[in-house]
């Protein structure tokens, strides 16, 4: 991720925090095989489902957003989410290209 994109993500997170929104940061921490984005790719998601940045593409990001909102609702601090091509739902979440991806999600607090 380039510095400009990362700066935009954290500026948006700061803006949401100032407006008392709950925020989760999603970061790609491991990949194997073919994956759309590499380790260190980031995305922020707020409690309303608004997001900025990217950790993968398509259906994977939709599932990451769902997991982030669930993290907030269930008052958890962090979680790892793994998407594997070998999962029976690989086609559903967009990993039919032959890769695995591990994403760490954590709530950002003031």
PDB file of N, CA and C in Angstrom:
ATOM      1  N   UNK A   1       0.848  -1.168   0.000  1.00  0.00           N
ATOM      2  CA  UNK A   1       0.000   0.000   0.000  1.00  0.00           C
ATOM      3  C   UNK A   1       0.895   1.232   0.000  1.00  0.00           C
ATOM      4  N   UNK A   2       0.546   2.206  -0.837  1.00  0.00           N
ATOM      5  CA  UNK A   2       1.393   3.396  -0.890  1.00  0.00           C
ATOM      6  C   UNK A   2       1.070   4.339   0.266  1.00  0.00           C
ATOM      7  N   UNK A   3       1.996   5.219   0.544  1.00  0.00           N
ATOM      8  CA  UNK A   3       1.858   6.128   1.691  1.00  0.00           C
ATOM      9  C   UNK A   3       0.645   7.038   1.572  1.00  0.00           C
ATOM     10  N   UNK A   4       0.318   7.467   0.338  1.00  0.00           N
ATOM     11  CA  UNK A   4      -0.835   8.344   0.151  1.00  0.00           C
ATOM     12  C   UNK A   4      -2.126   7.633   0.531  1.00  0.00           C
ATOM     13  N   UNK A   5      -2.292   6.395   0.052  1.00  0.00           N
ATOM     14  CA  UNK A   5      -3.507   5.627   0.371  1.00  0.00           C
ATOM     15  C   UNK A   5      -3.602   5.360   1.862  1.00  0.00           C
ATOM     16  N   UNK A   6      -2.480   4.999   2.466  1.00  0.00           N
ATOM     17  CA  UNK A   6      -2.480   4.731   3.907  1.00  0.00           C
ATOM     18  C   UNK A   6      -2.826   5.998   4.696  1.00  0.00           C
ATOM     19  N   UNK A   7      -2.295   7.129   4.256  1.00  0.00           N
ATOM     20  CA  UNK A   7      -2.604   8.401   4.923  1.00  0.00           C
ATOM     21  C   UNK A   7      -4.104   8.696   4.834  1.00  0.00           C
ATOM     22  N   UNK A   8      -4.691   8.451   3.664  1.00  0.00           N
ATOM     23  CA  UNK A   8      -6.130   8.676   3.492  1.00  0.00           C
ATOM     24  C   UNK A   8      -6.943   7.796   4.438  1.00  0.00           C
ATOM     25  N   UNK A   9      -6.531   6.542   4.570  1.00  0.00           N
ATOM     26  CA  UNK A   9      -7.241   5.616   5.446  1.00  0.00           C
ATOM     27  C   UNK A   9      -7.223   6.110   6.883  1.00  0.00           C
ATOM     28  N   UNK A  10      -6.059   6.524   7.360  1.00  0.00           N
ATOM     29  CA  UNK A  10      -5.970   6.950   8.752  1.00  0.00           C
ATOM     30  C   UNK A  10      -6.596   8.327   8.987  1.00  0.00           C
ATOM     31  N   UNK A  11      -6.609   9.175   7.975  1.00  0.00           N
ATOM     32  CA  UNK A  11      -7.325  10.447   8.101  1.00  0.00           C
ATOM     33  C   UNK A  11      -8.829  10.200   8.210  1.00  0.00           C
ATOM     34  N   UNK A  12      -9.336   9.258   7.392  1.00  0.00           N
ATOM     35  CA  UNK A  12     -10.764   8.919   7.448  1.00  0.00           C
ATOM     36  C   UNK A  12     -11.102   8.301   8.805  1.00  0.00           C
ATOM     37  N   UNK A  13     -10.228   7.426   9.306  1.00  0.00           N
ATOM     38  CA  UNK A  13     -10.455   6.816  10.617  1.00  0.00           C
ATOM     39  C   UNK A  13     -10.506   7.890  11.698  1.00  0.00           C
ATOM     40  N   UNK A  14      -9.611   8.859  11.619  1.00  0.00           N
ATOM     41  CA  UNK A  14      -9.593   9.959  12.586  1.00  0.00           C
ATOM     42  C   UNK A  14     -10.894  10.755  12.513  1.00  0.00           C
ATOM     43  N   UNK A  15     -11.374  10.998  11.299  1.00  0.00           N
ATOM     44  CA  UNK A  15     -12.631  11.725  11.114  1.00  0.00           C
ATOM     45  C   UNK A  15     -13.801  10.958  11.712  1.00  0.00           C
ATOM     46  N   UNK A  16     -13.855   9.651  11.451  1.00  0.00           N
ATOM     47  CA  UNK A  16     -14.927   8.830  12.026  1.00  0.00           C
ATOM     48  C   UNK A  16     -14.849   8.819  13.543  1.00  0.00           C
ATOM     49  N   UNK A  17     -13.643   8.720  14.089  1.00  0.00           N
ATOM     50  CA  UNK A  17     -13.466   8.704  15.550  1.00  0.00           C
ATOM     51  C   UNK A  17     -13.963  10.011  16.160  1.00  0.00           C
ATOM     52  N   UNK A  18     -13.673  11.121  15.502  1.00  0.00           N
ATOM     53  CA  UNK A  18     -14.134  12.428  15.994  1.00  0.00           C
ATOM     54  C   UNK A  18     -15.657  12.512  15.981  1.00  0.00           C
ATOM     55  N   UNK A  19     -16.291  11.699  15.126  1.00  0.00           N
ATOM     56  CA  UNK A  19     -17.749  11.650  15.053  1.00  0.00           C
ATOM     57  C   UNK A  19     -18.322  10.470  15.828  1.00  0.00           C
ATOM     58  N   UNK A  20     -17.507   9.958  16.760  1.00  0.00           N
ATOM     59  CA  UNK A  20     -17.907   8.875  17.666  1.00  0.00           C
ATOM     60  C   UNK A  20     -18.352   7.600  16.969  1.00  0.00           C
ATOM     61  N   UNK A  21     -17.757   7.303  15.830  1.00  0.00           N
ATOM     62  CA  UNK A  21     -18.024   6.050  15.131  1.00  0.00           C
ATOM     63  C   UNK A  21     -17.057   4.987  15.630  1.00  0.00           C
ATOM     64  N   UNK A  22     -17.531   3.769  15.739  1.00  0.00           N
ATOM     65  CA  UNK A  22     -16.661   2.646  16.065  1.00  0.00           C
ATOM     66  C   UNK A  22     -16.005   2.187  14.774  1.00  0.00           C
ATOM     67  N   UNK A  23     -14.708   1.862  14.867  1.00  0.00           N
ATOM     68  CA  UNK A  23     -13.912   1.593  13.673  1.00  0.00           C
ATOM     69  C   UNK A  23     -13.101   0.318  13.846  1.00  0.00           C
ATOM     70  N   UNK A  24     -13.017  -0.448  12.763  1.00  0.00           N
ATOM     71  CA  UNK A  24     -12.178  -1.644  12.744  1.00  0.00           C
ATOM     72  C   UNK A  24     -11.173  -1.507  11.603  1.00  0.00           C
ATOM     73  N   UNK A  25      -9.928  -1.860  11.890  1.00  0.00           N
ATOM     74  CA  UNK A  25      -8.869  -1.876  10.889  1.00  0.00           C
ATOM     75  C   UNK A  25      -8.644  -3.320  10.466  1.00  0.00           C
ATOM     76  N   UNK A  26      -8.714  -3.577   9.178  1.00  0.00           N
ATOM     77  CA  UNK A  26      -8.446  -4.910   8.615  1.00  0.00           C
ATOM     78  C   UNK A  26      -7.116  -4.846   7.877  1.00  0.00           C
ATOM     79  N   UNK A  27      -6.231  -5.807   8.165  1.00  0.00           N
ATOM     80  CA  UNK A  27      -4.899  -5.829   7.552  1.00  0.00           C
ATOM     81  C   UNK A  27      -4.581  -7.233   7.052  1.00  0.00           C
ATOM     82  N   UNK A  28      -4.106  -7.324   5.823  1.00  0.00           N
ATOM     83  CA  UNK A  28      -3.653  -8.608   5.287  1.00  0.00           C
ATOM     84  C   UNK A  28      -2.334  -8.943   5.983  1.00  0.00           C
ATOM     85  N   UNK A  29      -2.303 -10.105   6.671  1.00  0.00           N
ATOM     86  CA  UNK A  29      -1.083 -10.476   7.396  1.00  0.00           C
ATOM     87  C   UNK A  29      -0.375 -11.683   6.795  1.00  0.00           C
ATOM     88  N   UNK A  30      -1.056 -12.390   5.889  1.00  0.00           N
ATOM     89  CA  UNK A  30      -0.411 -13.539   5.255  1.00  0.00           C
ATOM     90  C   UNK A  30      -1.149 -13.877   3.962  1.00  0.00           C
ATOM     91  N   UNK A  31      -0.402 -14.260   2.942  1.00  0.00           N
ATOM     92  CA  UNK A  31      -1.007 -14.727   1.701  1.00  0.00           C
ATOM     93  C   UNK A  31      -0.263 -15.970   1.226  1.00  0.00           C
ATOM     94  N   UNK A  32      -0.937 -16.747   0.409  1.00  0.00           N
ATOM     95  CA  UNK A  32      -0.321 -17.900  -0.232  1.00  0.00           C
ATOM     96  C   UNK A  32      -0.927 -18.032  -1.617  1.00  0.00           C
ATOM     97  N   UNK A  33      -0.091 -18.294  -2.605  1.00  0.00           N
ATOM     98  CA  UNK A  33      -0.585 -18.444  -3.964  1.00  0.00           C
ATOM     99  C   UNK A  33      -1.044 -17.117  -4.532  1.00  0.00           C
ATOM    100  N   UNK A  34      -2.097 -17.163  -5.289  1.00  0.00           N
ATOM    101  CA  UNK A  34      -2.612 -15.983  -5.958  1.00  0.00           C
ATOM    102  C   UNK A  34      -3.544 -15.209  -5.026  1.00  0.00           C
ATOM    103  N   UNK A  35      -3.188 -13.958  -4.769  1.00  0.00           N
ATOM    104  CA  UNK A  35      -4.073 -13.094  -3.985  1.00  0.00           C
ATOM    105  C   UNK A  35      -4.043 -11.704  -4.611  1.00  0.00           C
ATOM    106  N   UNK A  36      -5.188 -11.029  -4.654  1.00  0.00           N
ATOM    107  CA  UNK A  36      -5.260  -9.724  -5.326  1.00  0.00           C
ATOM    108  C   UNK A  36      -4.335  -8.666  -4.729  1.00  0.00           C
ATOM    109  N   UNK A  37      -4.184  -8.660  -3.407  1.00  0.00           N
ATOM    110  CA  UNK A  37      -3.353  -7.659  -2.746  1.00  0.00           C
ATOM    111  C   UNK A  37      -2.402  -8.339  -1.778  1.00  0.00           C
ATOM    112  N   UNK A  38      -1.288  -7.688  -1.507  1.00  0.00           N
ATOM    113  CA  UNK A  38      -0.256  -8.296  -0.687  1.00  0.00           C
ATOM    114  C   UNK A  38      -0.373  -8.009   0.793  1.00  0.00           C
ATOM    115  N   UNK A  39       0.575  -8.582   1.516  1.00  0.00           N
ATOM    116  CA  UNK A  39       0.681  -8.379   2.963  1.00  0.00           C
ATOM    117  C   UNK A  39       0.830  -6.884   3.244  1.00  0.00           C
ATOM    118  N   UNK A  40       0.111  -6.426   4.254  1.00  0.00           N
ATOM    119  CA  UNK A  40       0.147  -5.015   4.627  1.00  0.00           C
ATOM    120  C   UNK A  40      -0.987  -4.197   4.036  1.00  0.00           C
ATOM    121  N   UNK A  41      -1.744  -4.759   3.097  1.00  0.00           N
ATOM    122  CA  UNK A  41      -2.888  -4.041   2.534  1.00  0.00           C
ATOM    123  C   UNK A  41      -3.908  -3.822   3.648  1.00  0.00           C
ATOM    124  N   UNK A  42      -4.532  -2.644   3.646  1.00  0.00           N
ATOM    125  CA  UNK A  42      -5.423  -2.280   4.755  1.00  0.00           C
ATOM    126  C   UNK A  42      -6.744  -1.712   4.282  1.00  0.00           C
ATOM    127  N   UNK A  43      -7.702  -1.830   5.182  1.00  0.00           N
ATOM    128  CA  UNK A  43      -9.033  -1.282   4.957  1.00  0.00           C
ATOM    129  C   UNK A  43      -9.601  -0.918   6.327  1.00  0.00           C
ATOM    130  N   UNK A  44     -10.315   0.186   6.410  1.00  0.00           N
ATOM    131  CA  UNK A  44     -11.029   0.529   7.645  1.00  0.00           C
ATOM    132  C   UNK A  44     -12.518   0.407   7.373  1.00  0.00           C
ATOM    133  N   UNK A  45     -13.229   0.021   8.421  1.00  0.00           N
ATOM    134  CA  UNK A  45     -14.670  -0.182   8.328  1.00  0.00           C
ATOM    135  C   UNK A  45     -15.291   0.434   9.576  1.00  0.00           C
ATOM    136  N   UNK A  46     -16.386   1.175   9.406  1.00  0.00           N
ATOM    137  CA  UNK A  46     -17.041   1.698  10.609  1.00  0.00           C
ATOM    138  C   UNK A  46     -18.307   0.904  10.898  1.00  0.00           C
ATOM    139  N   UNK A  47     -18.918   1.206  12.013  1.00  0.00           N
ATOM    140  CA  UNK A  47     -20.081   0.457  12.483  1.00  0.00           C
ATOM    141  C   UNK A  47     -21.261   0.495  11.517  1.00  0.00           C
ATOM    142  N   UNK A  48     -21.274   1.480  10.627  1.00  0.00           N
ATOM    143  CA  UNK A  48     -22.358   1.599   9.644  1.00  0.00           C
ATOM    144  C   UNK A  48     -22.076   0.808   8.366  1.00  0.00           C
ATOM    145  N   UNK A  49     -20.884   0.194   8.282  1.00  0.00           N
ATOM    146  CA  UNK A  49     -20.513  -0.556   7.087  1.00  0.00           C
ATOM    147  C   UNK A  49     -19.793   0.273   6.044  1.00  0.00           C
ATOM    148  N   UNK A  50     -19.549   1.536   6.346  1.00  0.00           N
ATOM    149  CA  UNK A  50     -18.757   2.364   5.434  1.00  0.00           C
ATOM    150  C   UNK A  50     -17.308   1.904   5.511  1.00  0.00           C
ATOM    151  N   UNK A  51     -16.591   1.965   4.406  1.00  0.00           N
ATOM    152  CA  UNK A  51     -15.210   1.504   4.410  1.00  0.00           C
ATOM    153  C   UNK A  51     -14.354   2.311   3.445  1.00  0.00           C
ATOM    154  N   UNK A  52     -13.046   2.195   3.633  1.00  0.00           N
ATOM    155  CA  UNK A  52     -12.061   2.823   2.759  1.00  0.00           C
ATOM    156  C   UNK A  52     -10.840   1.921   2.741  1.00  0.00           C
ATOM    157  N   UNK A  53     -10.247   1.759   1.574  1.00  0.00           N
ATOM    158  CA  UNK A  53      -9.092   0.893   1.416  1.00  0.00           C
ATOM    159  C   UNK A  53      -9.523  -0.441   0.849  1.00  0.00           C
ATOM    160  N   UNK A  54      -8.580  -1.396   0.828  1.00  0.00           N
ATOM    161  CA  UNK A  54      -8.876  -2.692   0.246  1.00  0.00           C
ATOM    162  C   UNK A  54      -7.944  -3.756   0.807  1.00  0.00           C
ATOM    163  N   UNK A  55      -8.489  -4.956   1.030  1.00  0.00           N
ATOM    164  CA  UNK A  55      -7.682  -6.087   1.474  1.00  0.00           C
ATOM    165  C   UNK A  55      -7.744  -7.243   0.481  1.00  0.00           C
ATOM    166  N   UNK A  56      -8.618  -7.159  -0.482  1.00  0.00           N
ATOM    167  CA  UNK A  56      -8.741  -8.228  -1.476  1.00  0.00           C
ATOM    168  C   UNK A  56      -9.614  -7.719  -2.596  1.00  0.00           C
ATOM    169  N   UNK A  57     -10.736  -8.313  -2.775  1.00  0.00           N
ATOM    170  CA  UNK A  57     -11.656  -7.865  -3.804  1.00  0.00           C
ATOM    171  C   UNK A  57     -12.998  -8.522  -3.629  1.00  0.00           C
ATOM    172  N   UNK A  58     -13.979  -7.940  -4.247  1.00  0.00           N
ATOM    173  CA  UNK A  58     -15.315  -8.504  -4.343  1.00  0.00           C
ATOM    174  C   UNK A  58     -15.887  -9.102  -3.084  1.00  0.00           C
ATOM    175  N   UNK A  59     -16.199 -10.381  -3.181  1.00  0.00           N
ATOM    176  CA  UNK A  59     -16.910 -11.078  -2.111  1.00  0.00           C
ATOM    177  C   UNK A  59     -16.073 -11.223  -0.849  1.00  0.00           C
ATOM    178  N   UNK A  60     -14.755 -11.301  -0.986  1.00  0.00           N
ATOM    179  CA  UNK A  60     -13.903 -11.388   0.207  1.00  0.00           C
ATOM    180  C   UNK A  60     -14.085 -10.129   1.042  1.00  0.00           C
ATOM    181  N   UNK A  61     -14.049  -8.982   0.398  1.00  0.00           N
ATOM    182  CA  UNK A  61     -14.215  -7.733   1.155  1.00  0.00           C
ATOM    183  C   UNK A  61     -15.599  -7.633   1.777  1.00  0.00           C
ATOM    184  N   UNK A  62     -16.618  -8.109   1.097  1.00  0.00           N
ATOM    185  CA  UNK A  62     -17.963  -8.104   1.676  1.00  0.00           C
ATOM    186  C   UNK A  62     -17.985  -8.917   2.961  1.00  0.00           C
ATOM    187  N   UNK A  63     -17.341 -10.069   2.946  1.00  0.00           N
ATOM    188  CA  UNK A  63     -17.283 -10.926   4.136  1.00  0.00           C
ATOM    189  C   UNK A  63     -16.453 -10.263   5.232  1.00  0.00           C
ATOM    190  N   UNK A  64     -15.361  -9.590   4.871  1.00  0.00           N
ATOM    191  CA  UNK A  64     -14.537  -8.879   5.860  1.00  0.00           C
ATOM    192  C   UNK A  64     -15.358  -7.775   6.523  1.00  0.00           C
ATOM    193  N   UNK A  65     -16.125  -7.045   5.740  1.00  0.00           N
ATOM    194  CA  UNK A  65     -16.980  -5.984   6.296  1.00  0.00           C
ATOM    195  C   UNK A  65     -17.985  -6.586   7.274  1.00  0.00           C
ATOM    196  N   UNK A  66     -18.615  -7.693   6.900  1.00  0.00           N
ATOM    197  CA  UNK A  66     -19.558  -8.372   7.808  1.00  0.00           C
ATOM    198  C   UNK A  66     -18.875  -8.765   9.113  1.00  0.00           C
ATOM    199  N   UNK A  67     -17.677  -9.340   9.006  1.00  0.00           N
ATOM    200  CA  UNK A  67     -16.933  -9.770  10.198  1.00  0.00           C
ATOM    201  C   UNK A  67     -16.564  -8.583  11.077  1.00  0.00           C
ATOM    202  N   UNK A  68     -16.213  -7.456  10.469  1.00  0.00           N
ATOM    203  CA  UNK A  68     -15.846  -6.258  11.236  1.00  0.00           C
ATOM    204  C   UNK A  68     -17.042  -5.700  11.991  1.00  0.00           C
ATOM    205  N   UNK A  69     -18.186  -5.655  11.339  1.00  0.00           N
ATOM    206  CA  UNK A  69     -19.398  -5.173  12.008  1.00  0.00           C
ATOM    207  C   UNK A  69     -19.773  -6.123  13.140  1.00  0.00           C
ATOM    208  N   UNK A  70     -19.640  -7.408  12.914  1.00  0.00           N
ATOM    209  CA  UNK A  70     -19.904  -8.400  13.952  1.00  0.00           C
ATOM    210  C   UNK A  70     -18.952  -8.233  15.132  1.00  0.00           C
ATOM    211  N   UNK A  71     -17.694  -7.940  14.856  1.00  0.00           N
ATOM    212  CA  UNK A  71     -16.702  -7.710  15.911  1.00  0.00           C
ATOM    213  C   UNK A  71     -17.159  -6.565  16.823  1.00  0.00           C
ATOM    214  N   UNK A  72     -17.623  -5.477  16.201  1.00  0.00           N
ATOM    215  CA  UNK A  72     -18.103  -4.321  16.967  1.00  0.00           C
ATOM    216  C   UNK A  72     -19.339  -4.704  17.787  1.00  0.00           C
ATOM    217  N   UNK A  73     -20.303  -5.344  17.152  1.00  0.00           N
ATOM    218  CA  UNK A  73     -21.559  -5.703  17.836  1.00  0.00           C
ATOM    219  C   UNK A  73     -21.332  -6.660  18.994  1.00  0.00           C
ATOM    220  N   UNK A  74     -20.368  -7.569  18.832  1.00  0.00           N
ATOM    221  CA  UNK A  74     -20.097  -8.555  19.876  1.00  0.00           C
ATOM    222  C   UNK A  74     -19.046  -8.093  20.881  1.00  0.00           C
ATOM    223  N   UNK A  75     -18.641  -6.830  20.756  1.00  0.00           N
ATOM    224  CA  UNK A  75     -17.693  -6.201  21.690  1.00  0.00           C
ATOM    225  C   UNK A  75     -16.406  -7.010  21.843  1.00  0.00           C
ATOM    226  N   UNK A  76     -15.884  -7.471  20.709  1.00  0.00           N
ATOM    227  CA  UNK A  76     -14.598  -8.166  20.688  1.00  0.00           C
ATOM    228  C   UNK A  76     -13.531  -7.178  20.235  1.00  0.00           C
ATOM    229  N   UNK A  77     -12.283  -7.413  20.614  1.00  0.00           N
ATOM    230  CA  UNK A  77     -11.208  -6.492  20.240  1.00  0.00           C
ATOM    231  C   UNK A  77     -10.558  -6.835  18.913  1.00  0.00           C
ATOM    232  N   UNK A  78     -10.391  -8.144  18.655  1.00  0.00           N
ATOM    233  CA  UNK A  78      -9.668  -8.543  17.458  1.00  0.00           C
ATOM    234  C   UNK A  78     -10.023  -9.962  17.052  1.00  0.00           C
ATOM    235  N   UNK A  79      -9.629 -10.305  15.823  1.00  0.00           N
ATOM    236  CA  UNK A  79      -9.918 -11.624  15.290  1.00  0.00           C
ATOM    237  C   UNK A  79      -9.112 -11.823  14.013  1.00  0.00           C
ATOM    238  N   UNK A  80      -8.765 -13.077  13.730  1.00  0.00           N
ATOM    239  CA  UNK A  80      -8.149 -13.416  12.451  1.00  0.00           C
ATOM    240  C   UNK A  80      -9.211 -14.068  11.581  1.00  0.00           C
ATOM    241  N   UNK A  81      -9.214 -13.714  10.299  1.00  0.00           N
ATOM    242  CA  UNK A  81     -10.149 -14.291   9.342  1.00  0.00           C
ATOM    243  C   UNK A  81      -9.317 -14.934   8.238  1.00  0.00           C
ATOM    244  N   UNK A  82      -9.599 -16.182   7.950  1.00  0.00           N
ATOM    245  CA  UNK A  82      -8.837 -16.884   6.919  1.00  0.00           C
ATOM    246  C   UNK A  82      -9.761 -17.293   5.776  1.00  0.00           C
ATOM    247  N   UNK A  83      -9.308 -17.020   4.577  1.00  0.00           N
ATOM    248  CA  UNK A  83     -10.020 -17.430   3.378  1.00  0.00           C
ATOM    249  C   UNK A  83      -9.087 -18.357   2.617  1.00  0.00           C
ATOM    250  N   UNK A  84      -9.549 -19.581   2.379  1.00  0.00           N
ATOM    251  CA  UNK A  84      -8.723 -20.580   1.697  1.00  0.00           C
ATOM    252  C   UNK A  84      -9.430 -21.056   0.437  1.00  0.00           C
ATOM    253  N   UNK A  85      -8.641 -21.298  -0.583  1.00  0.00           N
ATOM    254  CA  UNK A  85      -9.213 -21.819  -1.818  1.00  0.00           C
ATOM    255  C   UNK A  85      -9.810 -23.202  -1.584  1.00  0.00           C
ATOM    256  N   UNK A  86      -9.315 -23.898  -0.562  1.00  0.00           N
ATOM    257  CA  UNK A  86      -9.823 -25.244  -0.291  1.00  0.00           C
ATOM    258  C   UNK A  86     -11.150 -25.244   0.468  1.00  0.00           C
ATOM    259  N   UNK A  87     -11.544 -24.094   1.014  1.00  0.00           N
ATOM    260  CA  UNK A  87     -12.841 -24.022   1.694  1.00  0.00           C
ATOM    261  C   UNK A  87     -13.945 -24.316   0.691  1.00  0.00           C
ATOM    262  N   UNK A  88     -15.008 -24.959   1.156  1.00  0.00           N
ATOM    263  CA  UNK A  88     -16.099 -25.272   0.244  1.00  0.00           C
ATOM    264  C   UNK A  88     -16.774 -24.020  -0.288  1.00  0.00           C
ATOM    265  N   UNK A  89     -16.592 -22.892   0.386  1.00  0.00           N
ATOM    266  CA  UNK A  89     -17.200 -21.651  -0.098  1.00  0.00           C
ATOM    267  C   UNK A  89     -16.192 -20.763  -0.820  1.00  0.00           C
ATOM    268  N   UNK A  90     -15.069 -21.322  -1.271  1.00  0.00           N
ATOM    269  CA  UNK A  90     -14.042 -20.529  -1.950  1.00  0.00           C
ATOM    270  C   UNK A  90     -14.614 -19.761  -3.137  1.00  0.00           C
ATOM    271  N   UNK A  91     -15.457 -20.399  -3.904  1.00  0.00           N
ATOM    272  CA  UNK A  91     -16.040 -19.711  -5.056  1.00  0.00           C
ATOM    273  C   UNK A  91     -16.950 -18.579  -4.598  1.00  0.00           C
ATOM    274  N   UNK A  92     -17.632 -18.770  -3.478  1.00  0.00           N
ATOM    275  CA  UNK A  92     -18.559 -17.752  -2.978  1.00  0.00           C
ATOM    276  C   UNK A  92     -17.854 -16.487  -2.534  1.00  0.00           C
ATOM    277  N   UNK A  93     -16.651 -16.631  -1.971  1.00  0.00           N
ATOM    278  CA  UNK A  93     -15.943 -15.446  -1.474  1.00  0.00           C
ATOM    279  C   UNK A  93     -14.852 -14.973  -2.416  1.00  0.00           C
ATOM    280  N   UNK A  94     -14.786 -15.522  -3.618  1.00  0.00           N
ATOM    281  CA  UNK A  94     -13.885 -14.980  -4.617  1.00  0.00           C
ATOM    282  C   UNK A  94     -12.469 -15.489  -4.600  1.00  0.00           C
ATOM    283  N   UNK A  95     -12.192 -16.676  -4.029  1.00  0.00           N
ATOM    284  CA  UNK A  95     -10.834 -17.197  -4.010  1.00  0.00           C
ATOM    285  C   UNK A  95     -10.646 -18.362  -4.975  1.00  0.00           C
ATOM    286  N   UNK A  96     -11.435 -18.382  -6.003  1.00  0.00           N
ATOM    287  CA  UNK A  96     -11.314 -19.460  -6.977  1.00  0.00           C
ATOM    288  C   UNK A  96     -10.031 -19.348  -7.786  1.00  0.00           C
ATOM    289  N   UNK A  97      -9.272 -18.273  -7.604  1.00  0.00           N
ATOM    290  CA  UNK A  97      -8.033 -18.050  -8.345  1.00  0.00           C
ATOM    291  C   UNK A  97      -6.878 -18.886  -7.793  1.00  0.00           C
ATOM    292  N   UNK A  98      -7.058 -19.542  -6.683  1.00  0.00           N
ATOM    293  CA  UNK A  98      -6.024 -20.436  -6.181  1.00  0.00           C
ATOM    294  C   UNK A  98      -5.178 -19.893  -5.065  1.00  0.00           C
ATOM    295  N   UNK A  99      -5.670 -18.974  -4.272  1.00  0.00           N
ATOM    296  CA  UNK A  99      -4.873 -18.411  -3.194  1.00  0.00           C
ATOM    297  C   UNK A  99      -5.538 -18.509  -1.842  1.00  0.00           C
ATOM    298  N   UNK A 100      -4.738 -18.283  -0.814  1.00  0.00           N
ATOM    299  CA  UNK A 100      -5.224 -18.189   0.563  1.00  0.00           C
ATOM    300  C   UNK A 100      -4.852 -16.804   1.078  1.00  0.00           C
ATOM    301  N   UNK A 101      -5.661 -16.295   1.985  1.00  0.00           N
ATOM    302  CA  UNK A 101      -5.383 -14.982   2.562  1.00  0.00           C
ATOM    303  C   UNK A 101      -5.787 -14.998   4.036  1.00  0.00           C
ATOM    304  N   UNK A 102      -4.960 -14.412   4.875  1.00  0.00           N
ATOM    305  CA  UNK A 102      -5.237 -14.291   6.306  1.00  0.00           C
ATOM    306  C   UNK A 102      -5.308 -12.804   6.631  1.00  0.00           C
ATOM    307  N   UNK A 103      -6.408 -12.411   7.234  1.00  0.00           N
ATOM    308  CA  UNK A 103      -6.656 -10.996   7.548  1.00  0.00           C
ATOM    309  C   UNK A 103      -6.881 -10.851   9.041  1.00  0.00           C
ATOM    310  N   UNK A 104      -6.201  -9.870   9.631  1.00  0.00           N
ATOM    311  CA  UNK A 104      -6.337  -9.562  11.055  1.00  0.00           C
ATOM    312  C   UNK A 104      -7.220  -8.335  11.161  1.00  0.00           C
ATOM    313  N   UNK A 105      -8.282  -8.452  11.958  1.00  0.00           N
ATOM    314  CA  UNK A 105      -9.156  -7.295  12.181  1.00  0.00           C
ATOM    315  C   UNK A 105      -9.080  -6.906  13.647  1.00  0.00           C
ATOM    316  N   UNK A 106      -9.030  -5.590  13.880  1.00  0.00           N
ATOM    317  CA  UNK A 106      -8.957  -5.096  15.251  1.00  0.00           C
ATOM    318  C   UNK A 106      -9.677  -3.753  15.356  1.00  0.00           C
ATOM    319  N   UNK A 107     -10.393  -3.609  16.454  1.00  0.00           N
ATOM    320  CA  UNK A 107     -11.092  -2.338  16.673  1.00  0.00           C
ATOM    321  C   UNK A 107     -10.074  -1.268  17.054  1.00  0.00           C
ATOM    322  N   UNK A 108     -10.263  -0.111  16.471  1.00  0.00           N
ATOM    323  CA  UNK A 108      -9.411   1.040  16.785  1.00  0.00           C
ATOM    324  C   UNK A 108     -10.146   1.857  17.837  1.00  0.00           C
ATOM    325  N   UNK A 109      -9.463   2.188  18.909  1.00  0.00           N
ATOM    326  CA  UNK A 109     -10.076   3.019  19.947  1.00  0.00           C
ATOM    327  C   UNK A 109      -9.288   4.302  20.088  1.00  0.00           C
ATOM    328  N   UNK A 110      -9.963   5.316  20.605  1.00  0.00           N
ATOM    329  CA  UNK A 110      -9.311   6.613  20.812  1.00  0.00           C
ATOM    330  C   UNK A 110      -8.249   6.524  21.867  1.00  0.00           C
TER     331      UNK A 110
END
